[in-house]
C-alpha cells in the first residue's frame, strides 16, 4: 500500500499488515511515538485524509493511532504538530551572534552536531574565521522508535538497528545538504558529533543491544573517525566524540570540555537534564559521574498534554495578578507543555495547594488542572513528574555521598541540555527536582554539548582535553546501589 503525506511530495510503501508507524520507521521517516509503539501514550496520531485502515477507527476528526492503524487501501495522511521541526526558539544560544545571511563567502566549512534522544541540533561554522553562521534544530527522527534510550535499545534488540541508523543518517544528510544549499558551499570539510553513547552507536550503525542488559557493555567508547562517504554523508571527515561509559556519553564529555571543567577552582557540579539525568561532580582532581533514568517526562513525552520544545510549546507558567499566565516558544498559539513549563506548572500547583506532598489533588472531585484550552495536567502526569524528579534528586544525593561531600559545599552548578535554556531554578528547587542547597549557585548553560562539538571543530587541542577528562572520570552504578532505591522512594514526595 502507498502512504502519501498531505501537502508534501513524500510517498512510501507499507507492507501488507504493517502499521503506519512501522512503515514510517522502515522508510527512514518518523512520527512521535514516546512509548515506542506499545499502544500506551496515544501520541502517534495522524489524520486520515483519504483511504481506509484496519486496527483503529478514525475519530470525528479523522485521527487514528499510527501504532495501531494498518493501511487497508492506499492512504493520504496529514501529520500533526509534533512532526514539525523546531523553529530554533528553544535552542538559540549562539555565543558569537552569528550571521544567518546566505551571501557569506565560506572557503572551509564544518558542522557540529549534537544528537540528543529527543532533539538533534547542528551548527555551521567557518573553519577559517571561527564564525558560527547558522544553527538548525529538530526533533530526533528516531522518535518513531520511542522517546527514551531504553526504547531505542529495545528496538535494536528486536533487529531494527539498521532502521534506526537509516533514520538518523537521513536526518543528518538532510541537515548537511540544507547548509550546503543555503550557503552555496563547495563541501563540508568536517562533521563533529557529540551524543550519548547509545546515539553514537546508532549513528555508526552499531548494535547497542549490549547496553540494554547487565553489565551494560558498550561496543565502543573511544573517539571514532570516519570518511564521510563511508556513512553516505556529505562531509569529508566525520569525528565522533569519545564517551566515558555506557550512560555517560560524548555529549557529557563535550559539555564538560566546553565549560572547561578541569580549570574549575572550586568543586563543580554539571548536570544535563533530559530523558536521563547525566551528571558529573568535579572534586579534588576527580570526576564522579552518574546517570539517572528519569524517563521522557521532562522532555514532554508521557505527559498527556506534553510536547517537545517546538513552536507553541508552553515554556513558562506562573500566577500573576490573580490569574494563571504562560508564555510559549515563538509566541505562537499553545500546542502543549514542554519540560520547563511542566516544572513551573508543578510548582504553581504546590504553591496554590492544588496538589499535596503526595502529588494527589487536594480536592477529591478535581480531575485535572487546566492551563490553556484542552492543555491540562491529570494525576498521571503529576506521577510521571514525581518519578522523573525523584530519580534525578536521588542520584544527585547518592553521587555527593559517594564523593564524601555535603550538598551545602557546592558553589558552582551548571544545568545543561534542553532544560538548560528556560529552566527556572526556583521552581526546579520548589518541586524537588534539584536540592535546596543548589539555589543561587546555578548557571543555566544551554546546549553545552553542541558548543563543545564546535570547539572540537576549531581547536585541535580539544580532543586531547576530552581525553584528560575521561582519564580522571569514574561512573557510579546506581542500579546496583541499594541506597539509591531507598532515596528514590523517599524523594517521591514533594517538598512542602
Protein backbone atom coordinates (compact mmCIF):
# COMPACT_ATOMS: atom_id res chain seq x y z
CA UNK A 1 0.00 0.00 0.00
CA UNK A 2 1.16 3.54 -0.72
CA UNK A 3 1.18 6.17 2.01
CA UNK A 4 1.18 9.79 0.81
CA UNK A 5 1.82 12.70 3.16
CA UNK A 6 -0.65 15.54 2.66
CA UNK A 7 0.87 18.81 1.39
CA UNK A 8 4.23 17.19 0.63
CA UNK A 9 5.93 15.10 -2.05
CA UNK A 10 6.62 12.30 0.42
CA UNK A 11 5.32 8.88 -0.67
CA UNK A 12 6.40 5.45 0.57
CA UNK A 13 5.22 1.86 0.74
CA UNK A 14 3.69 -0.09 3.62
CA UNK A 15 3.88 -3.86 3.56
CA UNK A 16 0.74 -5.91 3.98
CA UNK A 17 -0.25 -5.98 7.65
CA UNK A 18 2.28 -3.28 8.59
CA UNK A 19 1.20 -0.36 10.76
CA UNK A 20 1.62 3.24 9.63
CA UNK A 21 4.15 3.74 12.43
CA UNK A 22 6.25 0.77 11.37
CA UNK A 23 6.16 1.86 7.73
CA UNK A 24 7.42 5.31 8.69
CA UNK A 25 10.36 3.89 10.62
CA UNK A 26 11.28 1.32 7.98
CA UNK A 27 11.39 4.02 5.31
CA UNK A 28 13.58 6.34 7.37
CA UNK A 29 10.88 8.79 8.47
CA UNK A 30 9.32 9.47 11.82
CA UNK A 31 6.23 10.17 13.85
CA UNK A 32 6.45 10.99 17.55
CA UNK A 33 5.80 7.76 19.45
CA UNK A 34 7.08 8.23 23.02
CA UNK A 35 6.03 4.74 24.11
CA UNK A 36 7.74 3.10 21.13
CA UNK A 37 4.52 1.83 19.60
CA UNK A 38 3.30 -0.06 22.69
CA UNK A 39 -0.21 1.46 22.47
CA UNK A 40 0.26 3.41 25.72
CA UNK A 41 0.94 7.10 25.11
CA UNK A 42 -1.70 7.90 22.47
CA UNK A 43 0.60 10.48 20.83
CA UNK A 44 1.29 8.94 17.43
CA UNK A 45 -1.94 10.26 15.93
CA UNK A 46 -2.21 11.05 12.24
CA UNK A 47 -5.21 12.31 10.29
CA UNK A 48 -6.64 10.15 7.50
CA UNK A 49 -7.37 12.39 4.51
CA UNK A 50 -8.28 9.58 2.13
CA UNK A 51 -8.25 5.80 2.21
CA UNK A 52 -9.14 3.33 4.94
CA UNK A 53 -7.36 1.48 7.73
CA UNK A 54 -7.77 -1.57 9.91
CA UNK A 55 -6.86 -1.82 13.58
CA UNK A 56 -8.18 1.59 14.63
CA UNK A 57 -11.32 3.57 13.86
CA UNK A 58 -10.87 7.23 12.85
CA UNK A 59 -12.45 9.62 15.34
CA UNK A 60 -14.63 12.60 14.45
CA UNK A 61 -11.53 14.48 13.23
CA UNK A 62 -10.24 11.55 11.20
CA UNK A 63 -7.46 10.80 13.70
CA UNK A 64 -6.03 7.31 14.22
CA UNK A 65 -3.11 5.92 16.19
CA UNK A 66 -0.27 5.17 13.79
CA UNK A 67 0.91 2.30 16.01
CA UNK A 68 -2.44 0.51 15.53
CA UNK A 69 -3.69 1.61 12.12
CA UNK A 70 -2.86 -0.74 9.24
CA UNK A 71 -3.50 0.56 5.69
CA UNK A 72 -6.35 -1.29 4.01
CA UNK A 73 -6.02 0.83 0.86
CA UNK A 74 -3.60 3.47 -0.38
CA UNK A 75 -3.62 6.35 2.11
CA UNK A 76 -3.16 10.08 2.22
CA UNK A 77 -2.46 11.24 5.76
CA UNK A 78 -1.71 14.54 7.47
CA UNK A 79 0.84 14.83 10.26
CA UNK A 80 0.14 16.80 13.42
CA UNK A 81 2.33 19.48 15.03
CA UNK A 82 4.80 17.07 16.69
CA UNK A 83 6.15 16.22 13.25
CA UNK A 84 7.27 19.81 12.74
CA UNK A 85 10.87 20.82 13.17
CA UNK A 86 11.95 23.27 15.84
CA UNK A 87 11.97 26.88 14.83
CA UNK A 88 15.12 27.36 16.87
CA UNK A 89 13.39 29.32 19.63
CA UNK A 90 14.44 26.88 22.32
CA UNK A 91 17.93 26.43 21.03
CA UNK A 92 19.22 29.84 20.04
CA UNK A 93 22.13 30.17 22.45
CA UNK A 94 24.62 31.27 19.80
CA UNK A 95 27.70 32.57 21.51
CA UNK A 96 29.05 34.84 18.82
CA UNK A 97 25.94 36.43 17.31
CA UNK A 98 26.36 34.57 14.02
CA UNK A 99 25.12 35.82 10.70
CA UNK A 100 22.35 33.86 9.07
CA UNK A 101 22.59 35.59 5.71
CA UNK A 102 23.04 33.41 2.69
CA UNK A 103 25.59 35.67 0.97
CA UNK A 104 28.53 34.83 3.25
CA UNK A 105 31.55 33.51 1.34
CA UNK A 106 32.95 30.41 3.05
CA UNK A 107 36.00 28.56 1.82
CA UNK A 108 36.17 25.88 4.52
CA UNK A 109 33.03 24.83 6.38
CA UNK A 110 32.47 22.47 9.28
CA UNK A 111 29.34 21.31 11.06
CA UNK A 112 28.97 20.46 14.74
CA UNK A 113 26.14 18.03 15.52
CA UNK A 114 24.55 17.23 18.87
CA UNK A 115 22.30 14.17 18.79
CA UNK A 116 20.05 14.02 21.80
CA UNK A 117 17.46 11.34 22.39
CA UNK A 118 14.76 13.96 21.80
CA UNK A 119 16.50 16.68 19.79
CA UNK A 120 19.07 16.98 17.03
CA UNK A 121 20.92 20.31 16.81
CA UNK A 122 23.53 21.38 14.28
CA UNK A 123 25.73 24.44 13.85
CA UNK A 124 27.53 25.58 10.70
CA UNK A 125 31.00 27.02 11.31
CA UNK A 126 33.51 28.85 9.11
CA UNK A 127 36.69 26.89 9.83
CA UNK A 128 38.95 29.78 8.78
CA UNK A 129 37.40 32.54 10.86
CA UNK A 130 35.65 30.55 13.59
CA UNK A 131 32.39 32.36 12.85
CA UNK A 132 29.22 30.45 13.72
CA UNK A 133 26.96 31.05 10.76
CA UNK A 134 23.75 29.14 11.27
CA UNK A 135 22.01 26.75 13.65
CA UNK A 136 19.33 24.17 12.98
CA UNK A 137 17.38 22.08 15.49
CA UNK A 138 14.68 19.45 15.07
CA UNK A 139 13.09 16.58 16.89
CA UNK A 140 15.19 13.44 16.62
CA UNK A 141 13.61 11.45 13.80
CA UNK A 142 14.22 8.23 15.77
CA UNK A 143 11.27 9.22 17.97
CA UNK A 144 9.21 6.74 15.98
CA UNK A 145 11.03 4.01 17.97
CA UNK A 146 10.26 5.51 21.40
CA UNK A 147 11.08 8.56 23.49
CA UNK A 148 13.93 7.27 25.65
CA UNK A 149 17.26 5.49 25.29
CA UNK A 150 15.99 2.13 26.51
CA UNK A 151 13.19 2.18 23.91
CA UNK A 152 15.79 2.68 21.18
CA UNK A 153 17.95 -0.11 22.60
CA UNK A 154 14.86 -2.31 22.76
CA UNK A 155 14.16 -1.59 19.09
CA UNK A 156 17.75 -2.50 18.24
CA UNK A 157 17.45 -5.75 20.18
CA UNK A 158 14.43 -6.63 18.06
CA UNK A 159 16.53 -6.32 14.92
CA UNK A 160 15.95 -2.68 14.00
CA UNK A 161 19.50 -1.30 14.29
CA UNK A 162 19.67 -0.70 10.54
CA UNK A 163 16.33 1.14 10.58
CA UNK A 164 17.47 3.32 13.48
CA UNK A 165 20.70 4.07 11.61
CA UNK A 166 18.85 4.90 8.39
CA UNK A 167 16.58 7.37 10.18
CA UNK A 168 19.37 9.38 11.85
CA UNK A 169 21.61 9.07 8.79
CA UNK A 170 18.90 10.50 6.54
CA UNK A 171 18.22 13.32 9.01
CA UNK A 172 21.92 14.18 9.26
CA UNK A 173 22.34 14.23 5.50
CA UNK A 174 19.31 16.50 5.14
CA UNK A 175 20.90 18.92 7.62
CA UNK A 176 24.22 18.90 5.75
CA UNK A 177 22.50 19.31 2.39
CA UNK A 178 20.47 22.19 3.77
CA UNK A 179 23.58 24.06 4.90
CA UNK A 180 25.38 23.34 1.61
CA UNK A 181 22.45 24.64 -0.41
CA UNK A 182 21.71 27.67 1.74
CA UNK A 183 25.29 28.95 1.75
CA UNK A 184 26.39 27.60 -1.67
CA UNK A 185 29.18 25.63 -0.02
CA UNK A 186 31.64 23.59 -2.07
CA UNK A 187 31.55 20.91 0.64
CA UNK A 188 31.53 20.22 4.39
CA UNK A 189 35.09 19.54 5.44
CA UNK A 190 34.48 18.10 8.91
CA UNK A 191 31.45 16.94 10.88
CA UNK A 192 31.89 16.53 14.65
CA UNK A 193 29.26 14.53 16.52
CA UNK A 194 28.52 14.68 20.25
CA UNK A 195 25.82 12.37 21.59
CA UNK A 196 25.03 9.92 24.33
CA UNK A 197 26.65 6.52 23.96
CA UNK A 198 23.57 4.83 22.51
CA UNK A 199 23.00 7.57 19.93
CA UNK A 200 26.67 7.34 18.90
CA UNK A 201 26.31 3.59 18.37
CA UNK A 202 23.22 4.07 16.22
CA UNK A 203 24.87 6.89 14.27
CA UNK A 204 27.70 4.46 13.46
CA UNK A 205 25.25 1.65 12.57
CA UNK A 206 26.48 -0.34 15.57
CA UNK A 207 24.07 -2.50 17.57
CA UNK A 208 23.74 -1.06 21.12
CA UNK A 209 21.83 -4.08 22.47
CA UNK A 210 24.59 -5.00 24.93
CA UNK A 211 23.91 -1.75 26.80
CA UNK A 212 20.35 -2.87 27.48
CA UNK A 213 21.23 -5.60 29.96
CA UNK A 214 23.69 -6.21 32.78
CA UNK A 215 26.62 -5.49 32.70
CA UNK A 216 25.61 -2.73 30.19
CA UNK A 217 28.67 -3.11 27.98
CA UNK A 218 29.16 -0.72 25.04
CA UNK A 219 30.76 -1.84 21.79
CA UNK A 220 32.96 1.26 21.80
CA UNK A 221 33.67 4.34 23.92
CA UNK A 222 36.67 5.79 22.12
CA UNK A 223 36.77 8.60 19.57
CA UNK A 224 35.79 7.38 16.10
CA UNK A 225 36.86 8.90 12.78
CA UNK A 226 35.16 8.02 9.51
CA UNK A 227 35.38 9.13 5.92
CA UNK A 228 32.05 10.79 5.26
CA UNK A 229 31.48 8.67 2.17
CA UNK A 230 31.57 5.53 4.34
CA UNK A 231 28.47 6.83 6.11
CA UNK A 232 26.91 8.25 2.92
CA UNK A 233 27.29 11.77 4.34
CA UNK A 234 28.32 14.95 2.51
CA UNK A 235 31.35 15.60 4.72
CA UNK A 236 34.97 14.70 4.05
CA UNK A 237 35.58 13.57 7.64
CA UNK A 238 33.26 12.59 10.49
CA UNK A 239 34.51 12.63 14.09
CA UNK A 240 32.54 11.03 16.94
CA UNK A 241 33.49 12.43 20.34
CA UNK A 242 34.52 9.84 22.96
CA UNK A 243 32.37 8.66 25.86
CA UNK A 244 33.10 7.81 29.50
CA UNK A 245 30.76 4.84 29.96
CA UNK A 246 27.56 3.27 28.66
CA UNK A 247 25.38 6.04 30.06
CA UNK A 248 27.85 8.93 30.27
CA UNK A 249 28.39 9.74 26.63
CA UNK A 250 30.23 12.05 24.30
CA UNK A 251 27.64 14.76 24.91
CA UNK A 252 28.65 14.96 28.57
CA UNK A 253 32.36 14.83 27.73
CA UNK A 254 31.77 17.61 25.21
CA UNK A 255 29.85 19.67 27.76
CA UNK A 256 32.48 19.23 30.46
CA UNK A 257 35.13 20.30 27.99
CA UNK A 258 33.09 23.30 26.92
CA UNK A 259 32.76 24.64 30.48
CA UNK A 260 36.50 23.97 30.98
CA UNK A 261 35.83 21.74 33.97
CA UNK A 262 39.48 20.93 34.70
CA UNK A 263 40.25 24.59 35.40
CA UNK A 264 37.49 24.97 37.99
CA UNK A 265 38.91 26.42 41.20
CA UNK A 266 36.09 25.05 43.35
CA UNK A 267 34.08 21.86 43.47
CA UNK A 268 31.76 21.94 40.44
CA UNK A 269 28.62 20.01 39.57
CA UNK A 270 27.35 19.57 36.00
CA UNK A 271 24.02 18.04 35.00
CA UNK A 272 22.37 17.53 31.63
CA UNK A 273 18.66 17.05 32.27
CA UNK A 274 16.69 15.15 29.66
CA UNK A 275 15.37 11.62 29.36
CA UNK A 276 18.36 10.75 31.52
CA UNK A 277 19.82 12.96 34.20
CA UNK A 278 23.51 12.63 33.35
CA UNK A 279 25.69 14.29 35.94
CA UNK A 280 29.35 14.84 36.81
CA UNK A 281 30.90 16.09 40.04
CA UNK A 282 34.44 17.52 39.86
CA UNK A 283 36.13 17.36 43.26
CA UNK A 284 39.79 17.25 44.28
CA UNK A 285 41.05 16.29 40.84
CA UNK A 286 38.49 13.56 40.18
CA UNK A 287 35.22 13.47 38.25
CA UNK A 288 32.43 11.32 39.69
CA UNK A 289 29.64 10.53 37.22
CA UNK A 290 26.17 9.02 37.37
CA UNK A 291 23.14 8.69 35.14
CA UNK A 292 19.57 8.63 36.43
CA UNK A 293 16.89 7.13 34.20
CA UNK A 294 14.43 10.00 34.54
CA UNK A 295 12.25 8.93 31.64
CA UNK A 296 10.98 11.28 28.93
CA UNK A 297 8.53 13.33 31.03
CA UNK A 298 10.94 16.27 31.33
CA UNK A 299 11.11 16.47 27.55
CA UNK A 300 7.33 16.49 27.16
CA UNK A 301 6.79 12.79 26.46
CA UNK A 302 4.47 10.55 28.50
CA UNK A 303 2.69 13.70 29.69
CA UNK A 304 -0.89 13.82 28.40
CA UNK A 305 -0.55 17.41 27.16
CA UNK A 306 3.23 17.28 26.76
CA UNK A 307 5.25 18.25 23.72
CA UNK A 308 8.84 18.84 22.76
CA UNK A 309 10.28 22.35 22.71
CA UNK A 310 8.61 23.18 19.43
CA UNK A 311 6.97 26.42 18.35
CA UNK A 312 3.90 26.96 20.51
CA UNK A 313 5.11 24.83 23.42
CA UNK A 314 4.28 26.41 26.78
CA UNK A 315 7.67 27.05 28.38
CA UNK A 316 6.71 29.27 31.32
CA UNK A 317 3.75 29.05 33.71
CA UNK A 318 3.15 31.42 36.62
CA UNK A 319 0.47 33.05 38.75
CA UNK A 320 0.38 36.81 38.22
CA UNK A 321 -2.21 39.42 39.12
CA UNK A 322 -4.56 36.81 40.48
CA UNK A 323 -4.59 34.53 37.46
CA UNK A 324 -2.57 31.91 35.63
CA UNK A 325 -0.39 33.19 32.81
CA UNK A 326 2.02 31.49 30.44
CA UNK A 327 4.39 32.08 27.55
CA UNK A 328 5.05 29.92 24.51
CA UNK A 329 8.08 29.34 22.32
CA UNK A 330 7.95 31.78 19.44
CA UNK A 331 4.90 33.50 20.94
CA UNK A 332 2.69 31.10 18.99
CA UNK A 333 -0.67 29.64 20.00
CA UNK A 334 -0.18 26.96 22.69
CA UNK A 335 0.11 23.38 21.45
CA UNK A 336 1.28 21.63 24.61
CA UNK A 337 3.53 21.77 27.65
CA UNK A 338 7.29 21.29 27.33
CA UNK A 339 9.62 20.33 30.19
CA UNK A 340 10.24 23.79 31.63
CA UNK A 341 6.55 24.60 31.53
CA UNK A 342 5.82 21.31 33.28
CA UNK A 343 8.19 22.17 36.14
CA UNK A 344 6.60 25.61 36.54
CA UNK A 345 3.10 24.14 36.49
CA UNK A 346 4.00 21.63 39.21
CA UNK A 347 5.41 24.42 41.39
CA UNK A 348 2.29 26.51 40.87
CA UNK A 349 0.02 23.61 41.85
CA UNK A 350 2.06 23.09 45.01
CA UNK A 351 2.09 26.78 45.94
CA UNK A 352 -1.67 27.09 45.45
CA UNK A 353 -2.27 23.79 47.28
CA UNK A 354 -3.94 22.23 44.26
CA UNK A 355 -1.84 19.11 44.90
CA UNK A 356 -0.41 17.88 48.19
CA UNK A 357 3.01 16.46 49.01
CA UNK A 358 1.98 13.03 47.69
CA UNK A 359 1.03 14.52 44.32
CA UNK A 360 -2.70 13.88 44.76
CA UNK A 361 -5.24 16.61 44.01
CA UNK A 362 -6.29 18.25 47.28
CA UNK A 363 -9.89 18.38 46.07
CA UNK A 364 -11.14 14.82 45.63
CA UNK A 365 -13.54 15.98 42.91
CA UNK A 366 -10.83 17.57 40.77
CA UNK A 367 -9.69 15.51 37.79
CA UNK A 368 -7.34 17.94 36.06
CA UNK A 369 -5.52 21.25 36.27
CA UNK A 370 -6.29 23.34 33.21
CA UNK A 371 -3.57 25.56 31.76
CA UNK A 372 -4.90 26.61 28.35
CA UNK A 373 -7.85 25.24 26.40
CA UNK A 374 -7.52 21.47 26.25
CA UNK A 375 -3.99 21.62 27.70
CA UNK A 376 -4.39 20.26 31.21
CA UNK A 377 -2.49 18.09 33.68
CA UNK A 378 -4.07 14.98 35.19
CA UNK A 379 -2.97 12.89 38.15
CA UNK A 380 -0.96 10.50 35.99
CA UNK A 381 1.07 13.47 34.68
CA UNK A 382 1.91 14.50 38.23
CA UNK A 383 3.09 10.97 38.97
CA UNK A 384 5.28 10.91 35.85
CA UNK A 385 6.91 14.13 37.02
CA UNK A 386 7.43 12.70 40.51
CA UNK A 387 9.18 9.65 39.06
CA UNK A 388 11.47 11.85 36.98
CA UNK A 389 12.34 14.36 39.68
CA UNK A 390 12.88 11.67 42.30
CA UNK A 391 15.30 9.78 40.06
CA UNK A 392 17.37 12.91 39.46
CA UNK A 393 17.36 14.23 43.02
CA UNK A 394 18.17 10.79 44.43
CA UNK A 395 21.08 10.35 42.02
CA UNK A 396 22.48 13.76 43.00
CA UNK A 397 22.36 12.90 46.69
CA UNK A 398 23.94 9.47 46.20
CA UNK A 399 26.70 10.91 43.99
CA UNK A 400 27.60 13.58 46.55
CA UNK A 401 27.62 11.00 49.31
CA UNK A 402 29.89 8.76 47.21
CA UNK A 403 32.35 11.65 46.82
CA UNK A 404 32.23 12.39 50.55
CA UNK A 405 30.61 15.79 50.04
CA UNK A 406 27.70 17.63 51.60
CA UNK A 407 25.29 19.34 49.21
CA UNK A 408 25.90 22.60 51.05
CA UNK A 409 29.56 22.55 49.99
CA UNK A 410 28.79 23.11 46.30
CA UNK A 411 29.19 26.60 44.85
CA UNK A 412 29.12 26.00 41.09
CA UNK A 413 26.23 24.17 39.41
CA UNK A 414 25.85 24.02 35.63
CA UNK A 415 22.47 22.92 34.23
CA UNK A 416 22.67 21.94 30.56
CA UNK A 417 20.55 20.20 27.94
CA UNK A 418 17.08 21.02 26.64
CA UNK A 419 16.03 22.30 30.06
CA UNK A 420 19.22 24.32 30.26
CA UNK A 421 17.66 27.18 28.28
CA UNK A 422 14.47 28.11 30.10
CA UNK A 423 14.54 26.27 33.43
CA UNK A 424 13.59 28.39 36.42
CA UNK A 425 15.89 27.31 39.24
CA UNK A 426 13.36 28.39 41.86
CA UNK A 427 10.60 26.14 40.53
CA UNK A 428 13.09 23.31 39.99
CA UNK A 429 14.04 23.52 43.66
CA UNK A 430 10.44 24.07 44.78
CA UNK A 431 9.32 20.81 43.19
CA UNK A 432 12.29 18.78 44.41
CA UNK A 433 13.95 18.30 41.04
CA UNK A 434 17.10 19.96 42.38
CA UNK A 435 18.13 20.25 46.06
CA UNK A 436 17.58 23.42 48.08
CA UNK A 437 21.33 23.82 48.51
CA UNK A 438 21.75 24.49 44.76
CA UNK A 439 19.58 27.60 44.80
CA UNK A 440 21.52 30.74 43.77
CA UNK A 441 24.50 28.65 42.65
CA UNK A 442 23.04 27.54 39.30
CA UNK A 443 24.30 28.65 35.90
CA UNK A 444 21.76 27.83 33.19
CA UNK A 445 24.10 26.73 30.43
CA UNK A 446 22.09 25.70 27.37
CA UNK A 447 23.43 23.24 24.84
CA UNK A 448 26.98 22.71 26.09
CA UNK A 449 27.24 19.52 24.05
CA UNK A 450 26.78 21.40 20.78
CA UNK A 451 29.14 24.18 21.81
CA UNK A 452 31.75 21.58 22.74
CA UNK A 453 31.35 19.97 19.32
CA UNK A 454 32.04 23.40 17.81
CA UNK A 455 35.25 23.61 19.85
CA UNK A 456 36.21 20.18 18.51
CA UNK A 457 35.92 21.64 15.01
CA UNK A 458 38.05 24.69 15.70
CA UNK A 459 40.63 23.69 18.31
CA UNK A 460 42.81 20.63 17.63
CA UNK A 461 43.66 20.51 21.35
CA UNK A 462 40.04 19.98 22.38
CA UNK A 463 40.02 16.22 21.74
CA UNK A 464 43.13 15.83 23.93
CA UNK A 465 41.33 17.83 26.61
CA UNK A 466 38.40 15.41 26.36
CA UNK A 467 40.77 12.50 26.92
CA UNK A 468 42.10 14.18 30.07
CA UNK A 469 38.52 14.47 31.34
CA UNK A 470 37.87 10.79 30.64
CA UNK A 471 41.12 9.74 32.34
CA UNK A 472 40.02 11.09 35.74
CA UNK A 473 36.35 10.06 35.45
CA UNK A 474 34.56 7.15 37.07
CA UNK A 475 30.89 6.16 36.86
CA UNK A 476 28.74 5.17 39.82
CA UNK A 477 26.34 2.31 39.06
CA UNK A 478 23.12 3.49 40.67
CA UNK A 479 21.22 0.35 39.67
CA UNK A 480 23.35 -1.79 41.97
CA UNK A 481 23.35 0.69 44.86
CA UNK A 482 20.61 -0.20 47.40
CA UNK A 483 20.83 3.31 48.83
CA UNK A 484 19.51 4.68 45.54
CA UNK A 485 16.20 2.82 45.78
CA UNK A 486 15.75 3.95 49.38
CA UNK A 487 16.41 7.55 48.36
CA UNK A 488 14.13 7.20 45.33
CA UNK A 489 11.18 6.15 47.50
CA UNK A 490 11.84 8.97 49.96
CA UNK A 491 12.18 11.66 47.29
CA UNK A 492 8.92 10.81 45.53
CA UNK A 493 7.18 13.22 47.90
CA UNK A 494 7.11 16.91 47.04
CA UNK A 495 8.81 19.30 49.49
CA UNK A 496 6.22 21.25 51.47
